[in-house]
Amino acid sequence: MKRIYITIFTVILNGMLFSCDPEELVQSEIQVEACCGDGEDVPPPPPPPDK
C-alpha cells in the first residue's frame, strides 16, 4: 500500500514540476514597447542638476 502512495505522489510531483516551462512564460510576458519615433535614435537623458 505504501508503494501506491509513493508512486502517486511521485507522479503528481513530476507533473507539477514539469508541466510548465518558465522560459515560455517569461518570453510571452515580455513585450517590447517602441519609444520616441519607432526605431529612430532615442535622445539621451537630461543631465543631472548642478548642486
Protein backbone atom coordinates (compact mmCIF):
# COMPACT_ATOMS: atom_id res chain seq x y z
CA MET A 1 0.00 0.00 0.00
CA LYS A 2 2.89 2.34 0.75
CA ARG A 3 4.27 1.88 -2.75
CA ILE A 4 0.99 3.02 -4.30
CA TYR A 5 1.02 6.26 -2.27
CA ILE A 6 4.67 6.92 -3.07
CA THR A 7 4.07 6.25 -6.77
CA ILE A 8 1.02 8.53 -6.89
CA PHE A 9 2.89 11.27 -5.00
CA THR A 10 5.87 10.96 -7.37
CA VAL A 11 3.66 11.16 -10.47
CA ILE A 12 1.79 14.22 -9.14
CA LEU A 13 5.04 15.93 -8.10
CA ASN A 14 6.62 15.32 -11.50
CA GLY A 15 3.50 16.60 -13.21
CA MET A 16 3.59 19.82 -11.21
CA LEU A 17 7.31 20.36 -11.72
CA PHE A 18 7.48 19.69 -15.45
CA SER A 19 4.05 20.78 -16.70
CA CYS A 20 5.02 24.43 -17.17
CA ASP A 21 8.18 25.78 -18.80
CA PRO A 22 9.21 29.04 -17.07
CA GLU A 23 11.08 30.26 -20.16
CA GLU A 24 7.89 30.19 -22.21
CA LEU A 25 6.10 32.27 -19.57
CA VAL A 26 8.88 34.84 -19.40
CA GLN A 27 9.07 35.18 -23.18
CA SER A 28 5.32 35.60 -23.53
CA GLU A 29 5.12 38.30 -20.83
CA ILE A 30 7.90 40.48 -22.23
CA GLN A 31 6.65 42.99 -24.77
CA VAL A 32 8.97 45.45 -26.40
CA GLU A 33 7.48 48.92 -26.44
CA ALA A 34 8.59 51.40 -29.03
CA CYS A 35 9.60 54.83 -27.84
CA CYS A 36 10.29 58.16 -29.40
CA GLY A 37 9.66 57.54 -33.07
CA ASP A 38 9.66 53.76 -33.53
CA GLY A 39 13.22 52.92 -34.42
CA GLU A 40 14.76 56.35 -34.59
CA ASP A 41 17.55 57.40 -32.24
CA VAL A 42 16.38 57.92 -28.69
CA PRO A 43 17.61 61.23 -27.26
CA PRO A 44 19.92 61.00 -24.22
CA PRO A 45 18.51 61.71 -20.79
CA PRO A 46 18.84 65.25 -19.43
CA PRO A 47 21.98 65.97 -17.41
CA PRO A 48 21.75 65.82 -13.63
CA PRO A 49 21.05 69.09 -11.85
CA ASP A 50 24.04 71.04 -10.53
CA LYS A 51 24.47 71.15 -6.78
